[in-house]
């Protein structure tokens, strides 16, 4: 039976709600549980799962929605009791046994931090970021869905105060050897990275590690920094910071499709930085004398290590079948789409980490349920599936384990229409990551997926499987 109820006027962050959902699913008789904020996207997902839309007619984005599928009505009291315990004030205040400060202005925060990580709903993120700048601290805005006017004002103030404003929507950074956000555990070294794309930084840093190198610093700037509105101001500041750093011998720049005039200005600045540099601007073919150009993220890592790049991706070809790419990482999705476009392969691409999918819910690298649902549905119509599994500090503790049932279900659906689904996965991580790279690979391979440490190689293999 399906059961739906709402808790009006109470906000909880999406990571907490995901953990509550997981706890509820362990209650005997609870077949599935989803506890989420009542955003339009979440309500739409519930309708797709068969819940009565009339029950959510008055629900708003600041209301909690509890959707349960139960073996019987007898299960409901136990589920409700568990939910009440998990939402109790005493439980929500816990933070390793200490009460959480409500904001940076809390009297519990006695010392001024050098860096503040902001991970609150987008409409509140700028408030905390301003408090960080006022305290003389760099700001790392993990939050997404932040108004662009706030980003412009914060970055302008950061430049004036010689402070970094990384983000919003900044998933990754490594500063003084400390990983922030989704950063991976890579060995220290002499490579400095700047990236408007979190998973792009992760892929390059992991491949540099795999190739025997190391990373000194990796500065995330947020996905909009190279847009026309922002003008690359934080990218320019990060390049200058790395150029002054004596530990950095070479600089790599990574970004999704940039605003062309902004990209040209940034590349010219990079060429004048005084250190060997490499740029991988996914979705752009701008060339700049003095800056090595990389078509793929793997090429960027190889060039940064002084190695030859792989053979160029050929153009054109004849392919059969339907390709579906479903990603957690926007940069990885953009890279695969770029490769497929050059080869003339039609495909459907989804970046499940886009802002429209993360309003009121955690990023799919933390909460993979929405992406897993998309993967399952791919088996209804597609022949080749291409996905990513990204490890790192804040990522799901077992992302492969969360994806494997979806791959199996997609394969089952494909088999029901007499098609064998071919699955390819880019596994981004290192041997030192908390999720255990070898275990993640083994789970994916056991489910029949072909696994690659390079997203570009995964995309090429998926496309090659379609060659006629």
Protein backbone atom coordinates (compact mmCIF):
# COMPACT_ATOMS: atom_id res chain seq x y z
CA UNK A 1 0.00 0.00 0.00
CA UNK A 2 1.06 3.59 -0.65
CA UNK A 3 1.01 6.16 2.14
CA UNK A 4 1.68 9.87 1.80
CA UNK A 5 1.75 12.54 4.48
CA UNK A 6 3.21 16.01 4.89
CA UNK A 7 4.86 17.98 7.67
CA UNK A 8 4.15 21.62 7.00
CA UNK A 9 6.52 24.50 7.62
CA UNK A 10 9.63 22.51 8.61
CA UNK A 11 12.82 22.60 6.58
CA UNK A 12 15.57 19.97 6.68
CA UNK A 13 18.62 19.73 4.44
CA UNK A 14 18.49 17.11 1.72
CA UNK A 15 21.35 15.01 3.09
CA UNK A 16 19.53 14.56 6.41
CA UNK A 17 16.32 13.64 4.60
CA UNK A 18 18.18 11.08 2.51
CA UNK A 19 19.53 9.46 5.70
CA UNK A 20 16.05 9.45 7.21
CA UNK A 21 14.74 7.75 4.07
CA UNK A 22 17.43 5.09 4.34
CA UNK A 23 16.60 4.50 8.03
CA UNK A 24 12.89 4.17 7.30
CA UNK A 25 13.57 1.57 4.64
CA UNK A 26 15.13 -0.63 7.34
CA UNK A 27 11.84 -0.76 9.29
CA UNK A 28 10.28 -4.22 8.79
CA UNK A 29 7.40 -3.99 6.33
CA UNK A 30 8.57 -0.75 4.70
CA UNK A 31 9.23 -1.61 1.06
CA UNK A 32 10.38 1.87 0.03
CA UNK A 33 10.60 5.27 1.67
CA UNK A 34 11.22 8.76 0.32
CA UNK A 35 11.35 11.77 2.64
CA UNK A 36 11.93 15.02 0.77
CA UNK A 37 11.05 18.67 0.55
CA UNK A 38 7.90 19.48 -1.39
CA UNK A 39 9.56 21.06 -4.43
CA UNK A 40 7.83 20.83 -7.83
CA UNK A 41 10.48 18.38 -9.08
CA UNK A 42 10.06 16.08 -6.07
CA UNK A 43 6.26 16.18 -6.29
CA UNK A 44 6.48 15.33 -9.98
CA UNK A 45 8.64 12.31 -9.15
CA UNK A 46 6.10 11.13 -6.60
CA UNK A 47 3.31 11.38 -9.15
CA UNK A 48 5.38 9.31 -11.57
CA UNK A 49 5.69 6.68 -8.82
CA UNK A 50 1.92 6.43 -8.52
CA UNK A 51 1.20 8.65 -5.51
CA UNK A 52 -2.05 10.62 -5.62
CA UNK A 53 -1.30 14.20 -6.70
CA UNK A 54 -4.43 15.44 -4.89
CA UNK A 55 -2.71 14.70 -1.59
CA UNK A 56 0.06 17.20 -2.39
CA UNK A 57 -2.06 20.01 -3.83
CA UNK A 58 -1.31 22.32 -0.90
CA UNK A 59 2.32 21.28 -0.39
CA UNK A 60 5.08 23.88 -0.82
CA UNK A 61 8.89 23.77 -1.05
CA UNK A 62 9.23 24.44 2.70
CA UNK A 63 7.08 21.41 3.62
CA UNK A 64 8.37 17.88 4.18
CA UNK A 65 6.73 15.07 2.20
CA UNK A 66 6.86 11.49 3.47
CA UNK A 67 6.08 8.85 0.83
CA UNK A 68 6.01 5.23 1.93
CA UNK A 69 5.23 1.93 0.26
CA UNK A 70 4.21 -0.56 2.95
CA UNK A 71 3.58 -4.27 3.03
CA UNK A 72 0.42 -3.60 5.09
CA UNK A 73 -1.26 -0.94 7.22
CA UNK A 74 0.14 -2.65 10.32
CA UNK A 75 3.60 -1.33 9.42
CA UNK A 76 2.57 2.33 9.53
CA UNK A 77 2.77 2.89 13.34
CA UNK A 78 6.36 1.60 13.50
CA UNK A 79 7.35 3.72 10.48
CA UNK A 80 5.81 6.82 12.02
CA UNK A 81 7.50 6.21 15.36
CA UNK A 82 10.88 5.87 13.63
CA UNK A 83 10.24 9.05 11.62
CA UNK A 84 9.30 11.02 14.76
CA UNK A 85 12.46 9.86 16.52
CA UNK A 86 14.64 10.86 13.58
CA UNK A 87 13.03 14.30 13.34
CA UNK A 88 13.11 15.02 17.06
CA UNK A 89 14.94 18.22 18.10
CA UNK A 90 17.48 16.23 20.11
CA UNK A 91 18.33 14.06 17.12
CA UNK A 92 18.56 16.91 14.60
CA UNK A 93 20.91 18.89 16.86
CA UNK A 94 23.47 16.12 17.08
CA UNK A 95 26.86 16.67 15.51
CA UNK A 96 29.29 14.17 16.97
CA UNK A 97 27.83 14.88 20.38
CA UNK A 98 28.05 18.65 20.07
CA UNK A 99 25.33 21.15 19.27
CA UNK A 100 25.67 22.78 15.87
CA UNK A 101 26.08 26.54 15.62
CA UNK A 102 23.15 28.04 13.73
CA UNK A 103 25.36 30.32 11.64
CA UNK A 104 28.79 31.97 11.49
CA UNK A 105 27.46 34.62 13.85
CA UNK A 106 26.94 32.05 16.60
CA UNK A 107 28.80 32.85 19.85
CA UNK A 108 30.06 29.23 19.77
CA UNK A 109 32.42 30.24 16.95
CA UNK A 110 35.13 32.06 18.87
CA UNK A 111 37.98 32.07 16.37
CA UNK A 112 37.86 33.57 12.89
CA UNK A 113 38.29 30.78 10.32
CA UNK A 114 40.56 31.12 7.31
CA UNK A 115 38.09 29.27 5.10
CA UNK A 116 34.36 28.64 5.40
CA UNK A 117 32.49 25.88 3.57
CA UNK A 118 28.87 26.85 2.84
CA UNK A 119 26.40 24.02 2.22
CA UNK A 120 22.94 25.42 2.86
CA UNK A 121 19.94 25.90 0.51
CA UNK A 122 20.83 28.24 -2.32
CA UNK A 123 18.53 31.05 -1.27
CA UNK A 124 20.39 31.32 2.06
CA UNK A 125 23.95 30.62 0.86
CA UNK A 126 24.90 34.21 0.05
CA UNK A 127 24.14 35.30 3.63
CA UNK A 128 26.67 32.85 5.04
CA UNK A 129 29.19 33.63 2.30
CA UNK A 130 29.03 37.35 3.13
CA UNK A 131 29.64 36.52 6.78
CA UNK A 132 32.71 34.53 5.74
CA UNK A 133 34.12 37.41 3.69
CA UNK A 134 33.41 39.85 6.52
CA UNK A 135 35.50 37.62 8.78
CA UNK A 136 38.36 37.67 6.29
CA UNK A 137 37.83 34.06 5.25
CA UNK A 138 37.83 32.41 1.84
CA UNK A 139 34.40 31.01 0.93
CA UNK A 140 33.78 27.57 -0.56
CA UNK A 141 30.16 27.55 -1.75
CA UNK A 142 29.11 23.92 -2.11
CA UNK A 143 25.52 25.19 -2.42
CA UNK A 144 23.84 25.40 -5.81
CA UNK A 145 20.72 27.26 -6.97
CA UNK A 146 22.28 30.55 -5.82
CA UNK A 147 21.04 33.65 -7.73
CA UNK A 148 23.64 34.86 -10.19
CA UNK A 149 23.42 38.46 -8.89
CA UNK A 150 24.59 37.16 -5.50
CA UNK A 151 27.49 35.36 -7.15
CA UNK A 152 28.58 38.50 -8.98
CA UNK A 153 28.46 40.60 -5.81
CA UNK A 154 30.31 38.01 -3.72
CA UNK A 155 33.09 37.49 -6.24
CA UNK A 156 33.53 41.23 -6.75
CA UNK A 157 33.90 41.64 -2.99
CA UNK A 158 36.25 38.64 -2.82
CA UNK A 159 38.56 40.14 -5.44
CA UNK A 160 38.59 43.46 -3.59
CA UNK A 161 39.57 41.67 -0.36
CA UNK A 162 42.04 39.23 -1.97
CA UNK A 163 39.83 36.31 -0.96
CA UNK A 164 38.69 33.33 -2.99
CA UNK A 165 34.97 32.79 -3.55
CA UNK A 166 34.82 29.23 -4.86
CA UNK A 167 31.40 28.58 -6.28
CA UNK A 168 28.48 28.54 -5.97
CA UNK A 169 27.98 24.98 -7.20
CA UNK A 170 31.63 24.28 -6.41
CA UNK A 171 31.96 20.57 -5.89
CA UNK A 172 35.70 20.17 -5.50
CA UNK A 173 38.87 21.87 -4.30
CA UNK A 174 42.21 20.88 -2.79
CA UNK A 175 43.88 23.61 -0.76
CA UNK A 176 47.16 23.10 1.08
CA UNK A 177 46.68 19.38 0.61
CA UNK A 178 43.19 19.37 2.18
CA UNK A 179 40.35 18.11 -0.01
CA UNK A 180 37.06 19.99 0.05
CA UNK A 181 33.68 18.85 -1.23
CA UNK A 182 33.88 15.72 -3.36
CA UNK A 183 37.67 15.88 -3.73
CA UNK A 184 39.57 12.61 -4.05
CA UNK A 185 42.59 11.51 -2.06
CA UNK A 186 45.44 12.13 -4.46
CA UNK A 187 49.15 12.22 -3.75
CA UNK A 188 50.76 15.64 -3.29
CA UNK A 189 52.80 16.96 -6.18
CA UNK A 190 53.63 19.94 -8.35
CA UNK A 191 50.50 20.26 -10.50
CA UNK A 192 48.10 23.12 -9.87
CA UNK A 193 44.55 22.97 -11.22
CA UNK A 194 41.78 25.51 -11.76
CA UNK A 195 38.32 24.31 -12.64
CA UNK A 196 34.81 25.57 -13.11
CA UNK A 197 33.75 21.94 -13.17
CA UNK A 198 33.96 19.76 -10.08
CA UNK A 199 34.04 16.33 -11.69
CA UNK A 200 36.40 17.68 -14.34
CA UNK A 201 38.85 18.55 -11.58
CA UNK A 202 38.28 15.14 -10.02
CA UNK A 203 38.92 13.30 -13.27
CA UNK A 204 42.12 15.19 -14.05
CA UNK A 205 43.50 14.96 -10.51
CA UNK A 206 42.76 11.21 -10.33
CA UNK A 207 44.39 10.55 -13.70
CA UNK A 208 47.43 12.63 -12.74
CA UNK A 209 47.65 10.43 -9.63
CA UNK A 210 47.24 7.26 -11.71
CA UNK A 211 50.01 8.42 -14.05
CA UNK A 212 52.39 8.82 -11.12
CA UNK A 213 52.09 12.55 -10.50
CA UNK A 214 50.50 14.59 -7.76
CA UNK A 215 48.45 17.71 -7.13
CA UNK A 216 49.56 20.70 -5.09
CA UNK A 217 46.38 22.78 -5.31
CA UNK A 218 43.06 22.50 -7.11
CA UNK A 219 40.89 25.62 -7.02
CA UNK A 220 37.24 25.22 -7.88
CA UNK A 221 35.55 28.37 -9.19
CA UNK A 222 31.95 27.23 -9.75
CA UNK A 223 30.22 26.20 -12.95
CA UNK A 224 29.23 29.74 -13.98
CA UNK A 225 32.58 31.49 -13.53
CA UNK A 226 33.45 31.45 -17.24
CA UNK A 227 30.00 32.71 -18.22
CA UNK A 228 29.53 36.16 -19.75
CA UNK A 229 27.89 37.45 -16.56
CA UNK A 230 30.72 36.45 -14.21
CA UNK A 231 33.55 37.05 -16.66
CA UNK A 232 35.99 34.49 -15.25
CA UNK A 233 37.02 36.75 -12.36
CA UNK A 234 37.71 33.93 -9.92
CA UNK A 235 39.45 31.83 -12.56
CA UNK A 236 41.83 34.72 -13.21
CA UNK A 237 42.44 35.13 -9.47
CA UNK A 238 43.13 31.41 -9.07
CA UNK A 239 45.61 31.42 -11.96
CA UNK A 240 47.46 34.30 -10.30
CA UNK A 241 47.49 32.43 -6.99
CA UNK A 242 48.98 29.31 -8.59
CA UNK A 243 51.48 31.37 -10.57
CA UNK A 244 52.81 32.80 -7.28
CA UNK A 245 52.93 29.41 -5.54
CA UNK A 246 56.51 28.06 -5.57
CA UNK A 247 55.22 24.49 -5.11
CA UNK A 248 53.30 24.63 -8.41
CA UNK A 249 55.35 23.86 -11.53
CA UNK A 250 52.54 23.57 -14.09
CA UNK A 251 48.92 24.72 -14.28
CA UNK A 252 45.88 22.98 -15.73
CA UNK A 253 42.58 24.73 -16.54
CA UNK A 254 39.37 22.70 -16.84
CA UNK A 255 35.88 23.96 -17.65
CA UNK A 256 32.59 23.09 -19.26
CA UNK A 257 31.52 25.12 -22.31
CA UNK A 258 32.65 28.70 -21.60
CA UNK A 259 31.57 32.06 -22.94
CA UNK A 260 33.97 32.44 -25.87
CA UNK A 261 35.22 36.01 -25.27
CA UNK A 262 35.65 35.23 -21.57
CA UNK A 263 37.56 32.06 -22.40
CA UNK A 264 39.88 33.94 -24.75
CA UNK A 265 40.66 36.50 -22.04
CA UNK A 266 41.36 33.75 -19.51
CA UNK A 267 43.56 31.78 -21.93
CA UNK A 268 45.58 34.89 -22.73
CA UNK A 269 46.06 35.42 -19.00
CA UNK A 270 47.08 31.79 -18.55
CA UNK A 271 49.64 32.09 -21.36
CA UNK A 272 51.27 35.00 -19.51
CA UNK A 273 51.38 33.26 -16.10
CA UNK A 274 55.01 32.21 -16.51
CA UNK A 275 54.45 28.47 -16.02
CA UNK A 276 53.72 25.62 -18.46
CA UNK A 277 49.97 25.34 -18.80
CA UNK A 278 47.28 23.11 -20.26
CA UNK A 279 43.62 23.92 -20.97
CA UNK A 280 40.69 21.59 -21.51
CA UNK A 281 37.59 23.67 -22.26
CA UNK A 282 34.86 21.16 -23.00
CA UNK A 283 32.62 22.49 -25.73
CA UNK A 284 35.21 24.95 -27.07
CA UNK A 285 38.05 24.66 -29.57
CA UNK A 286 39.73 28.00 -28.83
CA UNK A 287 43.48 27.84 -29.38
CA UNK A 288 45.98 30.02 -27.55
CA UNK A 289 49.69 30.21 -28.24
CA UNK A 290 51.63 29.19 -25.15
CA UNK A 291 48.84 27.01 -23.75
CA UNK A 292 48.62 23.31 -24.66
CA UNK A 293 45.12 22.36 -25.77
CA UNK A 294 43.50 19.10 -24.60
CA UNK A 295 40.42 17.68 -26.30
CA UNK A 296 39.62 15.35 -23.38
CA UNK A 297 40.20 15.40 -19.63
CA UNK A 298 42.50 12.41 -20.05
CA UNK A 299 44.55 14.38 -22.58
CA UNK A 300 44.83 17.20 -20.05
CA UNK A 301 46.19 14.84 -17.39
CA UNK A 302 48.68 13.31 -19.81
CA UNK A 303 49.92 16.69 -21.01
CA UNK A 304 50.35 17.86 -17.43
CA UNK A 305 52.53 14.81 -16.86
CA UNK A 306 54.59 15.48 -19.98
CA UNK A 307 53.14 12.48 -21.79
CA UNK A 308 51.83 12.15 -25.33
CA UNK A 309 48.07 12.32 -25.73
CA UNK A 310 45.98 9.45 -27.01
CA UNK A 311 45.15 9.16 -30.70
CA UNK A 312 42.78 11.95 -31.77
CA UNK A 313 39.10 11.08 -31.77
CA UNK A 314 38.23 10.39 -35.43
CA UNK A 315 35.31 12.14 -37.07
CA UNK A 316 32.31 10.40 -38.56
CA UNK A 317 31.49 6.72 -38.85
CA UNK A 318 28.52 4.36 -39.05
CA UNK A 319 26.84 3.26 -35.87
CA UNK A 320 23.78 1.26 -34.89
CA UNK A 321 21.65 1.36 -31.79
CA UNK A 322 20.59 3.97 -29.28
CA UNK A 323 22.99 5.41 -26.70
CA UNK A 324 21.85 6.80 -23.35
CA UNK A 325 24.26 8.73 -21.14
CA UNK A 326 23.15 9.36 -17.55
CA UNK A 327 25.70 11.17 -15.41
CA UNK A 328 26.21 12.56 -11.95
CA UNK A 329 29.10 14.73 -13.17
CA UNK A 330 28.27 17.56 -15.55
CA UNK A 331 31.79 17.82 -16.94
CA UNK A 332 31.95 14.10 -17.61
CA UNK A 333 28.57 14.26 -19.34
CA UNK A 334 29.74 17.20 -21.46
CA UNK A 335 32.93 15.38 -22.41
CA UNK A 336 31.08 12.26 -23.55
CA UNK A 337 28.57 14.34 -25.50
CA UNK A 338 31.46 16.14 -27.19
CA UNK A 339 33.08 12.86 -28.23
CA UNK A 340 29.78 11.45 -29.51
CA UNK A 341 29.09 14.62 -31.50
CA UNK A 342 32.48 14.46 -33.19
CA UNK A 343 31.83 10.84 -34.14
CA UNK A 344 28.33 11.64 -35.38
CA UNK A 345 26.62 9.35 -32.86
CA UNK A 346 23.09 10.35 -31.85
CA UNK A 347 22.51 10.01 -28.12
CA UNK A 348 20.42 11.30 -25.26
CA UNK A 349 22.33 12.90 -22.39
CA UNK A 350 21.30 13.74 -18.85
CA UNK A 351 23.37 15.48 -16.20
CA UNK A 352 21.45 14.51 -13.06
CA UNK A 353 23.51 17.04 -11.11
CA UNK A 354 21.99 20.04 -12.92
CA UNK A 355 20.35 22.63 -10.69
CA UNK A 356 16.84 21.68 -11.85
CA UNK A 357 17.34 18.18 -10.45
CA UNK A 358 18.85 19.25 -7.13
CA UNK A 359 16.27 21.72 -5.81
CA UNK A 360 15.20 20.23 -2.49
CA UNK A 361 17.37 17.14 -2.84
CA UNK A 362 21.03 16.26 -2.50
CA UNK A 363 23.38 16.06 -5.47
CA UNK A 364 23.23 12.59 -7.11
CA UNK A 365 26.80 11.89 -5.99
CA UNK A 366 25.37 11.98 -2.46
CA UNK A 367 21.83 10.74 -3.06
CA UNK A 368 21.87 8.51 -6.17
CA UNK A 369 18.20 7.51 -6.13
CA UNK A 370 16.99 9.85 -8.89
CA UNK A 371 19.85 8.90 -11.20
CA UNK A 372 19.25 5.21 -10.46
CA UNK A 373 15.62 5.61 -11.45
CA UNK A 374 16.70 7.14 -14.76
CA UNK A 375 19.11 4.25 -15.37
CA UNK A 376 16.38 1.68 -14.77
CA UNK A 377 14.13 3.39 -17.32
CA UNK A 378 16.91 3.41 -19.92
CA UNK A 379 16.40 -0.33 -20.36
CA UNK A 380 12.98 0.34 -21.89
CA UNK A 381 14.32 1.97 -25.05
CA UNK A 382 18.13 1.98 -25.33
CA UNK A 383 20.83 -0.46 -26.38
CA UNK A 384 23.93 1.13 -24.82
CA UNK A 385 24.17 2.73 -21.39
CA UNK A 386 26.97 5.08 -20.32
CA UNK A 387 27.30 6.26 -16.70
CA UNK A 388 29.80 7.56 -14.19
CA UNK A 389 30.59 6.49 -10.65
CA UNK A 390 32.53 9.20 -8.82
CA UNK A 391 34.27 8.53 -5.51
CA UNK A 392 35.52 11.10 -3.03
CA UNK A 393 35.16 12.56 0.45
CA UNK A 394 31.50 13.64 0.42
CA UNK A 395 30.28 11.14 -2.15
CA UNK A 396 27.91 8.28 -1.32
CA UNK A 397 29.71 5.59 0.73
CA UNK A 398 28.93 2.92 -1.89
CA UNK A 399 27.98 4.57 -5.21
CA UNK A 400 28.63 1.41 -7.23
CA UNK A 401 26.42 -0.58 -4.87
CA UNK A 402 23.66 1.99 -5.42
CA UNK A 403 24.01 1.87 -9.22
CA UNK A 404 24.34 -1.90 -9.70
CA UNK A 405 20.66 -2.77 -8.98
CA UNK A 406 19.62 -0.10 -11.49
CA UNK A 407 21.94 -1.55 -14.16
CA UNK A 408 20.54 -5.03 -13.51
CA UNK A 409 16.97 -3.74 -13.75
CA UNK A 410 17.76 -1.85 -16.97
CA UNK A 411 19.30 -5.05 -18.40
CA UNK A 412 16.18 -7.01 -17.39
CA UNK A 413 13.92 -4.49 -19.11
CA UNK A 414 16.05 -4.59 -22.25
CA UNK A 415 15.94 -8.41 -22.24
CA UNK A 416 12.13 -8.29 -22.08
CA UNK A 417 12.21 -6.58 -25.48
CA UNK A 418 14.82 -9.07 -26.75
CA UNK A 419 17.77 -6.69 -26.56
CA UNK A 420 21.03 -7.08 -24.68
CA UNK A 421 21.88 -3.83 -22.92
CA UNK A 422 25.59 -2.96 -22.98
CA UNK A 423 26.70 -0.94 -19.94
CA UNK A 424 29.86 1.18 -19.71
CA UNK A 425 30.98 3.03 -16.59
CA UNK A 426 33.62 5.69 -15.95
CA UNK A 427 34.90 5.02 -12.43
CA UNK A 428 36.56 8.17 -11.11
CA UNK A 429 38.67 7.73 -7.98
CA UNK A 430 41.94 6.58 -6.47
CA UNK A 431 43.12 3.65 -4.36
CA UNK A 432 43.14 5.98 -1.33
CA UNK A 433 39.49 7.03 -1.54
CA UNK A 434 37.21 5.96 1.31
CA UNK A 435 34.91 3.94 -0.97
CA UNK A 436 37.68 1.43 -1.91
CA UNK A 437 38.24 1.69 -5.65
CA UNK A 438 38.86 -2.03 -6.21
CA UNK A 439 35.60 -2.99 -4.50
CA UNK A 440 33.65 -0.45 -6.54
CA UNK A 441 35.14 -1.80 -9.76
CA UNK A 442 34.39 -5.40 -8.79
CA UNK A 443 30.73 -4.65 -8.09
CA UNK A 444 30.26 -2.93 -11.46
CA UNK A 445 32.04 -5.65 -13.40
CA UNK A 446 29.99 -8.32 -11.62
CA UNK A 447 26.88 -6.57 -12.95
CA UNK A 448 28.24 -6.91 -16.48
CA UNK A 449 29.51 -3.35 -16.97
CA UNK A 450 32.78 -2.48 -18.68
CA UNK A 451 34.68 -0.13 -16.36
CA UNK A 452 37.26 2.54 -17.20
CA UNK A 453 39.25 5.01 -15.11
CA UNK A 454 39.05 7.50 -17.99
CA UNK A 455 35.64 8.87 -18.91
CA UNK A 456 36.84 9.51 -22.46
CA UNK A 457 37.84 5.85 -22.82
CA UNK A 458 34.46 4.73 -21.45
CA UNK A 459 32.66 6.92 -23.98
CA UNK A 460 34.81 5.68 -26.87
CA UNK A 461 34.25 2.06 -25.87
CA UNK A 462 30.49 2.58 -25.63
CA UNK A 463 30.43 4.18 -29.07
CA UNK A 464 32.71 1.54 -30.56
CA UNK A 465 30.27 -1.15 -29.40
CA UNK A 466 27.73 0.45 -31.74
CA UNK A 467 29.98 0.41 -34.83
CA UNK A 468 28.42 -1.40 -37.74
